[in-house]
Amino acid sequence: MRQIATNAFPKCIHTFLEAVNAADSQRFLSAFAADALVNDVQRDFLGVEAIKKWSNREVMVGQVALKIHRAFEHYGDYILEVLTDGNFDKTNLPDPLIITQHVSVRDNKIVKLISMLVKPTDTSIEEALAPKASGT
């Protein structure tokens, strides 16, 4: 796993982020494959119609603002740590709110987006995914 700059993202990830920040539902959906899977708060939304209903109900209405904090490439997938703000209920959420998004891309379309609030640990993401020395 290696940390990457945002200019190393596929175009569909840029489209996704820009569309969320602009509350542009049509552009948002264009970033996804027809049979994509989104998992948000441990709920699955399979296919662009289900993603559209979810995003219109929960993403586009709250004027969510996303800003990349850190990003990693891992076996062809992307792990985005995203500073998340906007007009939504933040009760019991940390400040700043950093959501981790695991994104799989095929043919420049998002095929899987898993979005979660990762609990803090003593181990950084770099340490957790670093190769282990053998013989120890």
C-alpha atoms as a PDB file:
ATOM      1  CA  MET A   1       0.000   0.000   0.000  1.00  0.00           C
ATOM      2  CA  ARG A   2       1.262   3.412  -0.850  1.00  0.00           C
ATOM      3  CA  GLN A   3       0.018   6.894  -0.176  1.00  0.00           C
ATOM      4  CA  ILE A   4      -0.939   8.703  -3.371  1.00  0.00           C
ATOM      5  CA  ALA A   5      -1.737  12.237  -4.469  1.00  0.00           C
ATOM      6  CA  THR A   6      -5.259  13.081  -5.560  1.00  0.00           C
ATOM      7  CA  ASN A   7      -4.092  13.610  -9.150  1.00  0.00           C
ATOM      8  CA  ALA A   8      -3.362   9.853  -9.243  1.00  0.00           C
ATOM      9  CA  PHE A   9      -7.076   8.977  -8.862  1.00  0.00           C
ATOM     10  CA  PRO A  10      -9.098   7.649 -11.764  1.00  0.00           C
ATOM     11  CA  LYS A  11     -11.418  10.228 -13.308  1.00  0.00           C
ATOM     12  CA  CYS A  12     -14.512   8.542 -11.824  1.00  0.00           C
ATOM     13  CA  ILE A  13     -13.285   9.231  -8.270  1.00  0.00           C
ATOM     14  CA  HIS A  14     -12.770  12.915  -9.121  1.00  0.00           C
ATOM     15  CA  THR A  15     -16.266  12.953 -10.632  1.00  0.00           C
ATOM     16  CA  PHE A  16     -17.712  11.352  -7.487  1.00  0.00           C
ATOM     17  CA  LEU A  17     -16.045  13.870  -5.138  1.00  0.00           C
ATOM     18  CA  GLU A  18     -16.838  16.921  -7.268  1.00  0.00           C
ATOM     19  CA  ALA A  19     -20.460  15.840  -7.732  1.00  0.00           C
ATOM     20  CA  VAL A  20     -21.002  15.351  -3.989  1.00  0.00           C
ATOM     21  CA  ASN A  21     -19.567  18.803  -3.270  1.00  0.00           C
ATOM     22  CA  ALA A  22     -21.752  20.362  -5.984  1.00  0.00           C
ATOM     23  CA  ALA A  23     -24.857  18.336  -5.013  1.00  0.00           C
ATOM     24  CA  ASP A  24     -25.056  17.229  -8.656  1.00  0.00           C
ATOM     25  CA  SER A  25     -27.037  13.992  -8.575  1.00  0.00           C
ATOM     26  CA  GLN A  26     -26.762  13.213 -12.276  1.00  0.00           C
ATOM     27  CA  ARG A  27     -22.988  13.665 -12.321  1.00  0.00           C
ATOM     28  CA  PHE A  28     -22.694  11.689  -9.071  1.00  0.00           C
ATOM     29  CA  LEU A  29     -24.471   8.703 -10.617  1.00  0.00           C
ATOM     30  CA  SER A  30     -22.335   8.896 -13.767  1.00  0.00           C
ATOM     31  CA  ALA A  31     -19.309   7.885 -11.660  1.00  0.00           C
ATOM     32  CA  PHE A  32     -20.833   4.463 -10.896  1.00  0.00           C
ATOM     33  CA  ALA A  33     -21.183   1.265 -12.908  1.00  0.00           C
ATOM     34  CA  ALA A  34     -24.796   0.190 -13.508  1.00  0.00           C
ATOM     35  CA  ASP A  35     -24.429  -2.714 -11.062  1.00  0.00           C
ATOM     36  CA  ALA A  36     -22.224  -0.937  -8.492  1.00  0.00           C
ATOM     37  CA  LEU A  37     -22.444  -1.639  -4.777  1.00  0.00           C
ATOM     38  CA  VAL A  38     -22.431   1.129  -2.171  1.00  0.00           C
ATOM     39  CA  ASN A  39     -22.260   0.239   1.508  1.00  0.00           C
ATOM     40  CA  ASP A  40     -22.961   3.187   3.770  1.00  0.00           C
ATOM     41  CA  VAL A  41     -23.400   2.799   7.517  1.00  0.00           C
ATOM     42  CA  GLN A  42     -23.524  -0.982   7.100  1.00  0.00           C
ATOM     43  CA  ARG A  43     -26.351  -0.800   4.543  1.00  0.00           C
ATOM     44  CA  ASP A  44     -26.008  -2.143   0.995  1.00  0.00           C
ATOM     45  CA  PHE A  45     -27.325  -0.313  -2.061  1.00  0.00           C
ATOM     46  CA  LEU A  46     -26.904  -2.440  -5.177  1.00  0.00           C
ATOM     47  CA  GLY A  47     -27.308  -0.934  -8.625  1.00  0.00           C
ATOM     48  CA  VAL A  48     -27.581   2.606  -9.827  1.00  0.00           C
ATOM     49  CA  GLU A  49     -31.312   2.932  -9.025  1.00  0.00           C
ATOM     50  CA  ALA A  50     -30.775   1.971  -5.366  1.00  0.00           C
ATOM     51  CA  ILE A  51     -27.722   4.258  -5.205  1.00  0.00           C
ATOM     52  CA  LYS A  52     -29.805   7.088  -6.680  1.00  0.00           C
ATOM     53  CA  LYS A  53     -32.559   6.673  -4.059  1.00  0.00           C
ATOM     54  CA  TRP A  54     -29.987   6.555  -1.235  1.00  0.00           C
ATOM     55  CA  SER A  55     -27.971   9.537  -2.498  1.00  0.00           C
ATOM     56  CA  ASN A  56     -31.047  11.683  -3.153  1.00  0.00           C
ATOM     57  CA  ARG A  57     -32.326  10.900   0.345  1.00  0.00           C
ATOM     58  CA  GLU A  58     -29.047  11.165   2.298  1.00  0.00           C
ATOM     59  CA  VAL A  59     -26.190  12.709   0.319  1.00  0.00           C
ATOM     60  CA  MET A  60     -27.560  15.352  -2.015  1.00  0.00           C
ATOM     61  CA  VAL A  61     -30.045  16.822   0.484  1.00  0.00           C
ATOM     62  CA  GLY A  62     -27.497  17.555   3.209  1.00  0.00           C
ATOM     63  CA  GLN A  63     -25.075  19.464   1.003  1.00  0.00           C
ATOM     64  CA  VAL A  64     -22.257  17.201   2.107  1.00  0.00           C
ATOM     65  CA  ALA A  65     -18.744  18.581   1.642  1.00  0.00           C
ATOM     66  CA  LEU A  66     -15.873  16.146   1.103  1.00  0.00           C
ATOM     67  CA  LYS A  67     -12.162  16.952   1.179  1.00  0.00           C
ATOM     68  CA  ILE A  68      -9.421  14.338   0.847  1.00  0.00           C
ATOM     69  CA  HIS A  69      -7.304  14.090   3.989  1.00  0.00           C
ATOM     70  CA  ARG A  70      -5.132  11.185   2.798  1.00  0.00           C
ATOM     71  CA  ALA A  71      -5.406   8.608   0.038  1.00  0.00           C
ATOM     72  CA  PHE A  72      -3.805   5.238  -0.574  1.00  0.00           C
ATOM     73  CA  GLU A  73      -3.640   2.746  -3.428  1.00  0.00           C
ATOM     74  CA  HIS A  74      -3.894  -0.873  -2.297  1.00  0.00           C
ATOM     75  CA  TYR A  75      -3.871  -3.751  -4.808  1.00  0.00           C
ATOM     76  CA  GLY A  76      -5.571  -1.600  -7.430  1.00  0.00           C
ATOM     77  CA  ASP A  77      -8.219  -0.251  -5.069  1.00  0.00           C
ATOM     78  CA  TYR A  78      -8.290   3.111  -3.317  1.00  0.00           C
ATOM     79  CA  ILE A  79      -8.625   3.966   0.352  1.00  0.00           C
ATOM     80  CA  LEU A  80      -9.682   7.567   0.883  1.00  0.00           C
ATOM     81  CA  GLU A  81      -9.653   9.263   4.255  1.00  0.00           C
ATOM     82  CA  VAL A  82     -12.154  12.058   3.696  1.00  0.00           C
ATOM     83  CA  LEU A  83     -12.821  15.099   5.872  1.00  0.00           C
ATOM     84  CA  THR A  84     -16.612  15.214   5.851  1.00  0.00           C
ATOM     85  CA  ASP A  85     -18.733  18.222   6.691  1.00  0.00           C
ATOM     86  CA  GLY A  86     -22.056  19.670   5.680  1.00  0.00           C
ATOM     87  CA  ASN A  87     -25.593  20.282   6.799  1.00  0.00           C
ATOM     88  CA  PHE A  88     -26.453  17.008   8.526  1.00  0.00           C
ATOM     89  CA  ASP A  89     -26.918  15.768  12.106  1.00  0.00           C
ATOM     90  CA  LYS A  90     -23.449  15.485  13.658  1.00  0.00           C
ATOM     91  CA  THR A  91     -24.645  14.357  17.081  1.00  0.00           C
ATOM     92  CA  ASN A  92     -22.100  11.978  18.654  1.00  0.00           C
ATOM     93  CA  LEU A  93     -19.750  12.260  15.662  1.00  0.00           C
ATOM     94  CA  PRO A  94     -16.095  13.229  16.096  1.00  0.00           C
ATOM     95  CA  ASP A  95     -14.857  16.650  15.065  1.00  0.00           C
ATOM     96  CA  PRO A  96     -13.220  16.642  12.613  1.00  0.00           C
ATOM     97  CA  LEU A  97     -15.246  13.870  10.990  1.00  0.00           C
ATOM     98  CA  ILE A  98     -12.994  11.666   8.867  1.00  0.00           C
ATOM     99  CA  ILE A  99     -14.818   8.974   6.915  1.00  0.00           C
ATOM    100  CA  THR A 100     -12.836   6.160   5.306  1.00  0.00           C
ATOM    101  CA  GLN A 101     -14.007   5.162   1.842  1.00  0.00           C
ATOM    102  CA  HIS A 102     -12.822   1.978   0.159  1.00  0.00           C
ATOM    103  CA  VAL A 103     -13.285   2.362  -3.593  1.00  0.00           C
ATOM    104  CA  SER A 104     -12.954  -0.273  -6.318  1.00  0.00           C
ATOM    105  CA  VAL A 105     -12.797   0.923  -9.915  1.00  0.00           C
ATOM    106  CA  ARG A 106     -13.163  -1.026 -13.163  1.00  0.00           C
ATOM    107  CA  ASP A 107     -13.297   0.517 -16.645  1.00  0.00           C
ATOM    108  CA  ASN A 108     -13.220   4.000 -15.041  1.00  0.00           C
ATOM    109  CA  LYS A 109     -16.451   3.408 -13.109  1.00  0.00           C
ATOM    110  CA  ILE A 110     -16.854   2.911  -9.378  1.00  0.00           C
ATOM    111  CA  VAL A 111     -17.999  -0.675  -8.880  1.00  0.00           C
ATOM    112  CA  LYS A 112     -17.802  -0.692  -5.085  1.00  0.00           C
ATOM    113  CA  LEU A 113     -17.804   2.076  -2.480  1.00  0.00           C
ATOM    114  CA  ILE A 114     -17.692   1.154   1.189  1.00  0.00           C
ATOM    115  CA  SER A 115     -17.964   4.161   3.468  1.00  0.00           C
ATOM    116  CA  MET A 116     -17.358   3.904   7.210  1.00  0.00           C
ATOM    117  CA  LEU A 117     -16.347   5.740  10.321  1.00  0.00           C
ATOM    118  CA  VAL A 118     -13.204   3.910  11.395  1.00  0.00           C
ATOM    119  CA  LYS A 119     -12.582   3.712  15.107  1.00  0.00           C
ATOM    120  CA  PRO A 120      -9.184   4.970  16.254  1.00  0.00           C
ATOM    121  CA  THR A 121      -6.554   2.370  17.074  1.00  0.00           C
ATOM    122  CA  ASP A 122      -2.966   2.422  18.252  1.00  0.00           C
ATOM    123  CA  THR A 123      -1.916   1.153  14.824  1.00  0.00           C
ATOM    124  CA  SER A 124      -1.843   3.461  11.826  1.00  0.00           C
ATOM    125  CA  ILE A 125      -3.134   2.272   8.456  1.00  0.00           C
ATOM    126  CA  GLU A 126       0.454   2.241   7.188  1.00  0.00           C
ATOM    127  CA  GLU A 127       1.584   0.028  10.091  1.00  0.00           C
ATOM    128  CA  ALA A 128      -1.376  -2.303   9.767  1.00  0.00           C
ATOM    129  CA  LEU A 129      -0.757  -2.946   6.071  1.00  0.00           C
ATOM    130  CA  ALA A 130       3.052  -2.924   6.095  1.00  0.00           C
ATOM    131  CA  PRO A 131       4.774  -6.204   5.178  1.00  0.00           C
ATOM    132  CA  LYS A 132       5.773  -8.147   8.265  1.00  0.00           C
ATOM    133  CA  ALA A 133       9.395  -9.210   8.742  1.00  0.00           C
ATOM    134  CA  SER A 134       9.768 -12.978   8.624  1.00  0.00           C
ATOM    135  CA  GLY A 135      11.386 -14.936  11.416  1.00  0.00           C
ATOM    136  CA  THR A 136      10.157 -12.667  14.214  1.00  0.00           C
END
